[in-house]
């Protein structure tokens, strides 16, 4: 069986397309079930973030499955299918493995190295498991991808990109409103990026930090860690009226701060306001940047600057780790494909030895037990030695490139029962 990935992300589509494809939790679950019900699809799950939606499917045929899965993604948008399909990307088999390892390592994120993607990959695995739509191949693949992501963060400094993003944004904003010290800061959101923003402005000496979130309990929990205060999302306009700096980084699928809300808050305002939008799709209406006294800094431009900076060395180290892990995983997977054939071959040999020993005992019923045991031991050793080299070599050859199926050749040479090989395959979960 092979793995198919069909997706769309910030690398292939504009924000407007990503916004139209955004799904809530119920929508994602329905999509996964729809994919799992497709012909040629044996298992499925979805990896969704603020800047990507990817379907991972275990399939027994590429053509047919890729067309149907692509159609399901296109149907999420109210646009014509051809407007969406041009932004889709497809990865298959080894390419799908490579892609997921890169995603889990943060290489494919807008902010290279951000650690949130690990939690999102873990959620994709759990989604498929709870929905009962994920099979052995996808389960093993996602488990390994999570291990690769953890190794990347343990052995490199790639995770420093996210703090660098916040610091860079504050440096850019300082040109308009001055240093953070002594300023009033409003942070909209209560996730990991919001937590990083609150921690950073607090460390830099902000006079007041206010946190707003759709979930007031989360906002309160974050604000209390840094002696700030929390407000409901409905009060953002009132707080913004005398704020110097606004940082927004929610996980919402639509605009959180529309133009009219910010414009109303700015009526009569004398001090400038710097708005940092670290969300994708964006939290803040881009037209806000045209308001008098308001400067807007978006994620795309900030991320581009961070990724071109000091993180380049870390990215190279991460790519090396991903390449190592990919080679090891693919080698193990190819070796595993011949395991059912090897097991069936050894089972056949054991059966032959058992049959010959029974025939010997029927001809020599008075054979001494000790002699019988020695004869059986010798015969089994001969069978093991004859099979040892072929089974070792077939596993080695399975890792070499080429179109030859050495497992099929072995099965043909020894006339192995296909049903016996298939039975081992089911038991192994391959």
Protein backbone atom coordinates (compact mmCIF):
# COMPACT_ATOMS: atom_id res chain seq x y z
CA UNK A 1 0.00 0.00 0.00
CA UNK A 2 1.13 3.58 -0.67
CA UNK A 3 0.57 6.97 0.96
CA UNK A 4 -0.94 9.87 -0.96
CA UNK A 5 -0.85 13.52 0.11
CA UNK A 6 -3.07 16.14 -1.51
CA UNK A 7 -2.95 19.61 -0.03
CA UNK A 8 -2.76 23.36 -0.33
CA UNK A 9 -0.65 25.73 1.76
CA UNK A 10 0.72 29.24 2.00
CA UNK A 11 3.46 28.17 -0.42
CA UNK A 12 1.04 27.36 -3.23
CA UNK A 13 -2.01 29.54 -2.64
CA UNK A 14 -2.79 33.15 -1.67
CA UNK A 15 -4.43 33.88 1.68
CA UNK A 16 -7.78 34.45 -0.04
CA UNK A 17 -7.84 30.82 -1.22
CA UNK A 18 -6.73 29.47 2.15
CA UNK A 19 -9.51 31.43 3.84
CA UNK A 20 -12.13 29.88 1.57
CA UNK A 21 -10.84 26.38 2.35
CA UNK A 22 -10.69 26.86 6.13
CA UNK A 23 -12.66 24.31 8.17
CA UNK A 24 -13.78 24.02 11.76
CA UNK A 25 -13.30 20.78 13.74
CA UNK A 26 -16.58 19.26 12.52
CA UNK A 27 -15.75 20.14 8.95
CA UNK A 28 -12.35 18.47 9.16
CA UNK A 29 -13.85 15.29 10.60
CA UNK A 30 -16.49 15.16 7.85
CA UNK A 31 -13.79 15.63 5.22
CA UNK A 32 -11.72 12.77 6.65
CA UNK A 33 -14.72 10.43 6.61
CA UNK A 34 -15.53 11.47 3.04
CA UNK A 35 -11.97 10.72 1.91
CA UNK A 36 -11.92 7.38 3.76
CA UNK A 37 -15.11 6.38 1.91
CA UNK A 38 -13.52 6.94 -1.51
CA UNK A 39 -12.73 4.04 -3.79
CA UNK A 40 -9.10 2.85 -3.54
CA UNK A 41 -8.65 4.63 -0.18
CA UNK A 42 -7.91 2.33 2.76
CA UNK A 43 -7.31 4.97 5.44
CA UNK A 44 -7.18 8.73 5.83
CA UNK A 45 -6.61 11.69 8.10
CA UNK A 46 -6.11 15.44 7.69
CA UNK A 47 -3.42 17.85 8.84
CA UNK A 48 -4.93 21.33 9.10
CA UNK A 49 -3.30 24.53 10.35
CA UNK A 50 -3.89 28.23 9.84
CA UNK A 51 -1.87 28.08 6.63
CA UNK A 52 -2.40 24.57 5.23
CA UNK A 53 -4.91 21.80 4.74
CA UNK A 54 -3.52 18.41 3.73
CA UNK A 55 -5.20 15.06 3.25
CA UNK A 56 -3.09 11.97 3.98
CA UNK A 57 -4.54 8.78 2.52
CA UNK A 58 -3.42 5.17 2.37
CA UNK A 59 -4.34 4.01 -1.15
CA UNK A 60 -4.02 0.92 -3.30
CA UNK A 61 -4.02 2.90 -6.55
CA UNK A 62 -2.74 6.37 -7.43
CA UNK A 63 -5.00 7.25 -10.35
CA UNK A 64 -8.58 7.47 -9.24
CA UNK A 65 -7.74 8.12 -5.61
CA UNK A 66 -5.85 11.34 -6.35
CA UNK A 67 -8.65 12.59 -8.57
CA UNK A 68 -11.35 11.95 -5.98
CA UNK A 69 -9.39 13.39 -3.05
CA UNK A 70 -8.51 16.49 -5.08
CA UNK A 71 -12.16 16.95 -5.96
CA UNK A 72 -13.17 16.77 -2.30
CA UNK A 73 -10.70 19.53 -1.43
CA UNK A 74 -11.89 21.70 -4.29
CA UNK A 75 -15.49 21.29 -3.14
CA UNK A 76 -14.63 23.02 0.15
CA UNK A 77 -14.52 26.35 -1.67
CA UNK A 78 -17.42 28.21 -3.20
CA UNK A 79 -15.17 29.00 -6.15
CA UNK A 80 -15.05 27.00 -9.38
CA UNK A 81 -12.92 23.83 -8.96
CA UNK A 82 -10.39 25.02 -11.54
CA UNK A 83 -9.70 28.08 -9.36
CA UNK A 84 -8.61 25.83 -6.50
CA UNK A 85 -7.04 22.86 -8.25
CA UNK A 86 -4.23 25.00 -9.64
CA UNK A 87 -3.04 25.59 -6.07
CA UNK A 88 -3.05 21.93 -5.00
CA UNK A 89 0.09 19.83 -4.61
CA UNK A 90 0.39 16.06 -4.64
CA UNK A 91 2.99 13.79 -3.05
CA UNK A 92 2.99 10.03 -3.41
CA UNK A 93 4.72 7.12 -1.71
CA UNK A 94 8.35 8.09 -0.86
CA UNK A 95 7.57 11.72 -1.71
CA UNK A 96 4.68 11.71 0.76
CA UNK A 97 6.97 10.43 3.53
CA UNK A 98 9.57 13.09 2.75
CA UNK A 99 6.92 15.82 2.75
CA UNK A 100 5.46 14.87 6.14
CA UNK A 101 8.91 14.63 7.75
CA UNK A 102 9.67 18.13 6.46
CA UNK A 103 6.33 19.48 7.68
CA UNK A 104 6.73 17.95 11.15
CA UNK A 105 10.23 19.44 11.36
CA UNK A 106 8.95 22.94 10.64
CA UNK A 107 10.73 23.23 7.29
CA UNK A 108 7.47 23.85 5.44
CA UNK A 109 6.06 26.40 7.89
CA UNK A 110 5.76 30.09 7.13
CA UNK A 111 7.98 30.71 10.15
CA UNK A 112 10.59 28.01 9.64
CA UNK A 113 11.06 25.86 12.72
CA UNK A 114 7.92 26.86 14.61
CA UNK A 115 7.03 24.15 17.09
CA UNK A 116 3.23 24.37 16.89
CA UNK A 117 3.24 22.10 13.88
CA UNK A 118 4.25 19.14 16.06
CA UNK A 119 1.06 19.47 18.08
CA UNK A 120 -0.95 19.82 14.89
CA UNK A 121 0.61 16.66 13.43
CA UNK A 122 -0.16 14.85 16.69
CA UNK A 123 -3.76 16.06 16.43
CA UNK A 124 -3.99 14.72 12.85
CA UNK A 125 -2.89 11.29 14.07
CA UNK A 126 -5.36 11.35 16.96
CA UNK A 127 -8.14 12.54 14.63
CA UNK A 128 -7.69 9.51 12.37
CA UNK A 129 -7.42 7.14 15.30
CA UNK A 130 -10.58 8.41 17.00
CA UNK A 131 -12.50 8.46 13.73
CA UNK A 132 -11.36 4.91 12.96
CA UNK A 133 -10.12 5.98 9.53
CA UNK A 134 -6.37 5.58 9.96
CA UNK A 135 -4.65 2.32 9.02
CA UNK A 136 -1.27 0.78 9.92
CA UNK A 137 0.70 2.59 7.21
CA UNK A 138 -0.46 6.09 8.22
CA UNK A 139 -0.19 5.30 11.92
CA UNK A 140 3.45 4.24 11.59
CA UNK A 141 4.23 7.19 9.29
CA UNK A 142 2.82 9.83 11.65
CA UNK A 143 4.43 8.26 14.71
CA UNK A 144 7.80 8.41 12.98
CA UNK A 145 7.21 11.97 11.74
CA UNK A 146 6.57 13.07 15.33
CA UNK A 147 9.83 11.43 16.42
CA UNK A 148 11.69 13.22 13.61
CA UNK A 149 10.20 16.56 14.66
CA UNK A 150 11.21 16.00 18.28
CA UNK A 151 14.75 15.07 17.25
CA UNK A 152 15.02 18.23 15.14
CA UNK A 153 14.08 20.46 18.07
CA UNK A 154 16.37 18.55 20.44
CA UNK A 155 19.46 18.67 18.21
CA UNK A 156 19.18 22.07 16.50
CA UNK A 157 18.27 25.67 17.33
CA UNK A 158 15.59 25.85 14.64
CA UNK A 159 12.95 26.77 17.26
CA UNK A 160 14.56 30.18 17.80
CA UNK A 161 12.86 31.44 14.62
CA UNK A 162 9.55 32.13 16.36
CA UNK A 163 11.09 34.31 19.11
CA UNK A 164 13.08 36.04 16.39
CA UNK A 165 9.84 36.80 14.56
CA UNK A 166 8.31 38.54 17.58
CA UNK A 167 11.51 40.47 18.27
CA UNK A 168 11.78 41.54 14.64
CA UNK A 169 8.15 42.69 14.62
CA UNK A 170 8.68 44.77 17.76
CA UNK A 171 11.84 46.29 16.29
CA UNK A 172 9.97 47.29 13.15
CA UNK A 173 7.08 48.71 15.19
CA UNK A 174 9.50 50.72 17.33
CA UNK A 175 10.22 52.92 14.30
CA UNK A 176 6.61 54.16 14.52
CA UNK A 177 5.73 54.09 18.22
CA UNK A 178 9.11 53.90 19.93
CA UNK A 179 10.52 51.16 22.21
CA UNK A 180 8.12 48.85 24.07
CA UNK A 181 9.26 50.14 27.45
CA UNK A 182 6.52 52.22 29.05
CA UNK A 183 3.96 51.42 26.36
CA UNK A 184 0.47 49.97 26.64
CA UNK A 185 0.24 46.70 24.71
CA UNK A 186 -2.88 44.79 23.67
CA UNK A 187 -2.41 41.13 22.68
CA UNK A 188 -5.31 39.37 20.95
CA UNK A 189 -5.06 35.58 21.27
CA UNK A 190 -3.96 33.17 23.97
CA UNK A 191 -2.01 30.47 22.11
CA UNK A 192 1.72 29.80 22.01
CA UNK A 193 2.56 32.78 19.77
CA UNK A 194 0.45 35.08 21.94
CA UNK A 195 2.22 33.74 25.01
CA UNK A 196 5.56 34.49 23.40
CA UNK A 197 4.42 38.03 22.54
CA UNK A 198 3.21 38.70 26.10
CA UNK A 199 6.42 37.33 27.58
CA UNK A 200 8.56 39.44 25.25
CA UNK A 201 6.78 42.78 25.79
CA UNK A 202 6.71 42.17 29.55
CA UNK A 203 10.44 41.52 29.56
CA UNK A 204 11.00 44.72 27.57
CA UNK A 205 9.19 46.80 30.20
CA UNK A 206 5.70 47.40 28.82
CA UNK A 207 3.72 49.62 31.20
CA UNK A 208 0.56 47.53 30.79
CA UNK A 209 -0.26 44.30 29.00
CA UNK A 210 -3.87 43.46 28.18
CA UNK A 211 -4.83 40.04 26.77
CA UNK A 212 -8.07 39.39 24.88
CA UNK A 213 -9.29 36.03 23.61
CA UNK A 214 -12.46 34.28 22.57
CA UNK A 215 -11.95 32.07 25.62
CA UNK A 216 -11.74 34.42 28.60
CA UNK A 217 -10.29 31.76 30.89
CA UNK A 218 -7.31 31.32 28.56
CA UNK A 219 -6.79 35.08 28.33
CA UNK A 220 -6.93 35.38 32.10
CA UNK A 221 -4.47 32.53 32.60
CA UNK A 222 -1.94 34.09 30.22
CA UNK A 223 -2.35 37.64 31.57
CA UNK A 224 -1.91 36.56 35.18
CA UNK A 225 1.45 34.97 34.43
CA UNK A 226 2.85 38.42 33.60
CA UNK A 227 0.83 40.67 35.92
CA UNK A 228 -1.38 41.80 33.06
CA UNK A 229 -5.14 41.89 32.80
CA UNK A 230 -7.62 40.04 30.61
CA UNK A 231 -10.67 41.37 28.78
CA UNK A 232 -13.35 39.75 26.62
CA UNK A 233 -12.90 39.98 22.89
CA UNK A 234 -15.88 42.34 22.77
CA UNK A 235 -13.87 44.98 24.66
CA UNK A 236 -10.92 45.05 22.27
CA UNK A 237 -12.11 48.30 20.67
CA UNK A 238 -12.25 50.12 24.00
CA UNK A 239 -8.78 48.94 25.02
CA UNK A 240 -7.35 49.74 21.62
CA UNK A 241 -8.42 53.39 21.93
CA UNK A 242 -5.44 54.21 24.13
CA UNK A 243 -3.05 51.37 23.23
CA UNK A 244 0.33 51.98 21.62
CA UNK A 245 0.87 48.50 20.27
CA UNK A 246 -1.51 45.75 19.15
CA UNK A 247 -0.32 42.18 18.54
CA UNK A 248 -2.89 39.77 17.11
CA UNK A 249 -2.23 36.05 16.71
CA UNK A 250 -5.41 34.00 17.04
CA UNK A 251 -6.26 30.74 15.32
CA UNK A 252 -9.46 32.12 13.82
CA UNK A 253 -10.36 31.35 10.22
CA UNK A 254 -11.72 34.84 9.49
CA UNK A 255 -10.93 38.48 10.23
CA UNK A 256 -10.99 39.17 13.99
CA UNK A 257 -10.34 42.92 13.80
CA UNK A 258 -12.31 44.40 10.89
CA UNK A 259 -11.60 47.89 9.57
CA UNK A 260 -14.65 49.48 11.23
CA UNK A 261 -13.66 48.26 14.71
CA UNK A 262 -10.14 49.66 14.46
CA UNK A 263 -11.34 52.87 12.79
CA UNK A 264 -13.88 53.46 15.58
CA UNK A 265 -11.21 52.94 18.21
CA UNK A 266 -8.96 55.48 16.49
CA UNK A 267 -11.52 58.31 16.47
CA UNK A 268 -9.93 61.20 18.37
CA UNK A 269 -6.74 59.23 19.05
CA UNK A 270 -3.61 61.35 19.25
CA UNK A 271 -0.94 58.70 19.70
CA UNK A 272 0.18 56.42 16.84
CA UNK A 273 -0.72 52.72 16.88
CA UNK A 274 1.46 49.89 15.58
CA UNK A 275 -0.47 46.76 14.63
CA UNK A 276 1.42 43.45 14.34
CA UNK A 277 -0.61 40.69 12.71
CA UNK A 278 1.08 37.31 13.26
CA UNK A 279 -1.86 35.20 12.11
CA UNK A 280 -2.50 33.41 8.85
CA UNK A 281 -5.12 33.82 7.54
CA UNK A 282 -4.74 37.38 8.82
CA UNK A 283 -6.61 38.55 11.93
CA UNK A 284 -6.56 42.20 10.92
CA UNK A 285 -8.22 43.70 7.86
CA UNK A 286 -5.31 44.80 5.62
CA UNK A 287 -7.09 48.13 5.04
CA UNK A 288 -6.28 49.02 8.67
CA UNK A 289 -2.79 49.95 7.51
CA UNK A 290 -4.28 52.88 5.56
CA UNK A 291 -5.82 54.52 8.64
CA UNK A 292 -4.13 57.74 9.80
CA UNK A 293 -1.57 57.11 12.51
CA UNK A 294 -1.74 53.31 12.12
CA UNK A 295 1.12 51.14 10.84
CA UNK A 296 0.49 47.47 10.04
CA UNK A 297 3.07 44.66 9.99
CA UNK A 298 1.96 41.33 8.49
CA UNK A 299 3.27 37.84 9.05
CA UNK A 300 4.33 37.12 5.47
CA UNK A 301 6.87 39.93 5.23
CA UNK A 302 8.19 39.40 8.76
CA UNK A 303 8.59 35.65 8.23
CA UNK A 304 10.49 36.26 5.01
CA UNK A 305 13.02 38.43 6.85
CA UNK A 306 13.45 35.89 9.67
CA UNK A 307 13.90 32.94 7.31
CA UNK A 308 16.60 34.78 5.38
CA UNK A 309 18.54 35.59 8.53
CA UNK A 310 20.42 33.46 11.07
CA UNK A 311 18.03 30.51 10.73
CA UNK A 312 19.68 29.47 7.44
CA UNK A 313 22.35 27.48 9.31
CA UNK A 314 19.71 25.77 11.44
CA UNK A 315 17.67 24.92 8.35
CA UNK A 316 20.67 23.16 6.81
CA UNK A 317 21.11 21.08 9.97
CA UNK A 318 17.41 20.19 10.01
CA UNK A 319 17.50 19.14 6.36
CA UNK A 320 20.40 16.80 7.13
CA UNK A 321 18.46 15.18 9.99
CA UNK A 322 15.35 14.81 7.82
CA UNK A 323 17.43 13.22 5.05
CA UNK A 324 18.93 10.71 7.50
CA UNK A 325 15.56 9.83 8.99
CA UNK A 326 13.96 9.54 5.57
CA UNK A 327 16.64 7.15 4.30
CA UNK A 328 16.34 4.97 7.42
CA UNK A 329 12.53 4.89 7.28
CA UNK A 330 12.36 4.03 3.59
CA UNK A 331 15.01 1.31 4.00
CA UNK A 332 13.07 -0.24 6.88
CA UNK A 333 9.84 -0.03 4.90
CA UNK A 334 11.34 -1.70 1.85
CA UNK A 335 12.83 -4.45 4.00
CA UNK A 336 9.46 -4.97 5.63
CA UNK A 337 7.83 -5.61 2.25
CA UNK A 338 9.84 -8.83 1.84
CA UNK A 339 9.22 -10.02 5.40
CA UNK A 340 5.95 -11.87 4.60
CA UNK A 341 7.69 -13.75 1.78
CA UNK A 342 10.64 -14.68 3.99
CA UNK A 343 8.31 -15.85 6.78
CA UNK A 344 6.26 -17.90 4.29
CA UNK A 345 9.47 -19.45 2.93
CA UNK A 346 10.69 -20.46 6.39
CA UNK A 347 7.24 -21.79 7.27
CA UNK A 348 7.30 -23.93 4.14
CA UNK A 349 10.77 -25.24 5.05
CA UNK A 350 9.61 -26.08 8.58
CA UNK A 351 6.66 -27.98 7.14
CA UNK A 352 8.94 -29.98 4.86
CA UNK A 353 11.23 -30.91 7.76
CA UNK A 354 8.24 -31.93 9.90
CA UNK A 355 6.87 -34.09 7.07
CA UNK A 356 10.20 -35.81 6.47
CA UNK A 357 10.67 -36.53 10.19
CA UNK A 358 7.20 -38.08 10.35
CA UNK A 359 8.04 -40.23 7.32
CA UNK A 360 11.32 -41.32 8.94
CA UNK A 361 9.58 -42.27 12.18
CA UNK A 362 7.00 -44.33 10.32
CA UNK A 363 9.79 -46.27 8.60
CA UNK A 364 11.95 -46.61 11.71
CA UNK A 365 9.50 -46.81 14.61
CA UNK A 366 12.10 -48.24 16.93
CA UNK A 367 14.57 -45.43 16.45
CA UNK A 368 16.21 -44.33 19.70
CA UNK A 369 14.85 -40.96 20.98
CA UNK A 370 18.34 -39.52 21.28
CA UNK A 371 19.22 -40.50 17.71
CA UNK A 372 15.90 -39.15 16.46
CA UNK A 373 16.55 -35.79 18.16
CA UNK A 374 20.04 -35.56 16.62
CA UNK A 375 18.71 -36.36 13.16
CA UNK A 376 15.94 -33.75 13.46
CA UNK A 377 18.42 -31.16 14.72
CA UNK A 378 20.77 -31.84 11.81
CA UNK A 379 18.00 -31.63 9.21
CA UNK A 380 16.70 -28.34 10.63
CA UNK A 381 20.24 -26.89 10.63
CA UNK A 382 20.66 -27.85 6.97
CA UNK A 383 17.37 -26.15 6.09
CA UNK A 384 18.29 -23.01 8.07
CA UNK A 385 21.72 -22.77 6.45
CA UNK A 386 20.30 -23.22 2.96
CA UNK A 387 17.76 -20.45 3.54
CA UNK A 388 19.98 -18.03 5.47
CA UNK A 389 21.85 -16.44 2.57
CA UNK A 390 18.83 -16.05 0.25
CA UNK A 391 16.76 -14.39 2.98
CA UNK A 392 19.58 -12.04 4.00
CA UNK A 393 20.26 -11.07 0.40
CA UNK A 394 16.62 -10.50 -0.50
CA UNK A 395 16.33 -7.97 2.36
CA UNK A 396 19.51 -6.23 1.20
CA UNK A 397 18.40 -6.17 -2.43
CA UNK A 398 15.02 -4.76 -1.45
CA UNK A 399 16.80 -1.52 -0.49
CA UNK A 400 18.43 -1.13 -3.89
CA UNK A 401 16.76 0.98 -6.54
CA UNK A 402 15.28 -0.74 -9.52
CA UNK A 403 12.10 -2.26 -10.82
CA UNK A 404 12.84 -5.84 -9.76
CA UNK A 405 10.60 -7.26 -7.02
CA UNK A 406 12.93 -9.63 -5.23
CA UNK A 407 10.15 -10.78 -2.94
CA UNK A 408 8.12 -11.82 -5.98
CA UNK A 409 11.17 -13.54 -7.47
CA UNK A 410 11.75 -15.47 -4.24
CA UNK A 411 8.11 -16.52 -4.10
CA UNK A 412 8.25 -17.68 -7.73
CA UNK A 413 11.51 -19.63 -7.31
CA UNK A 414 10.24 -21.56 -4.30
CA UNK A 415 6.63 -21.83 -5.52
CA UNK A 416 5.28 -20.21 -2.37
CA UNK A 417 1.54 -20.22 -1.81
CA UNK A 418 0.27 -16.63 -2.42
CA UNK A 419 -2.38 -17.14 0.26
CA UNK A 420 0.33 -17.96 2.80
CA UNK A 421 2.22 -14.75 1.98
CA UNK A 422 -0.99 -12.71 2.18
CA UNK A 423 -1.83 -14.22 5.57
CA UNK A 424 1.54 -13.11 6.96
CA UNK A 425 1.07 -9.65 5.44
CA UNK A 426 -2.23 -9.20 7.27
CA UNK A 427 -0.72 -10.41 10.52
CA UNK A 428 2.26 -8.05 10.17
CA UNK A 429 0.03 -5.09 9.29
CA UNK A 430 2.17 -4.24 6.26
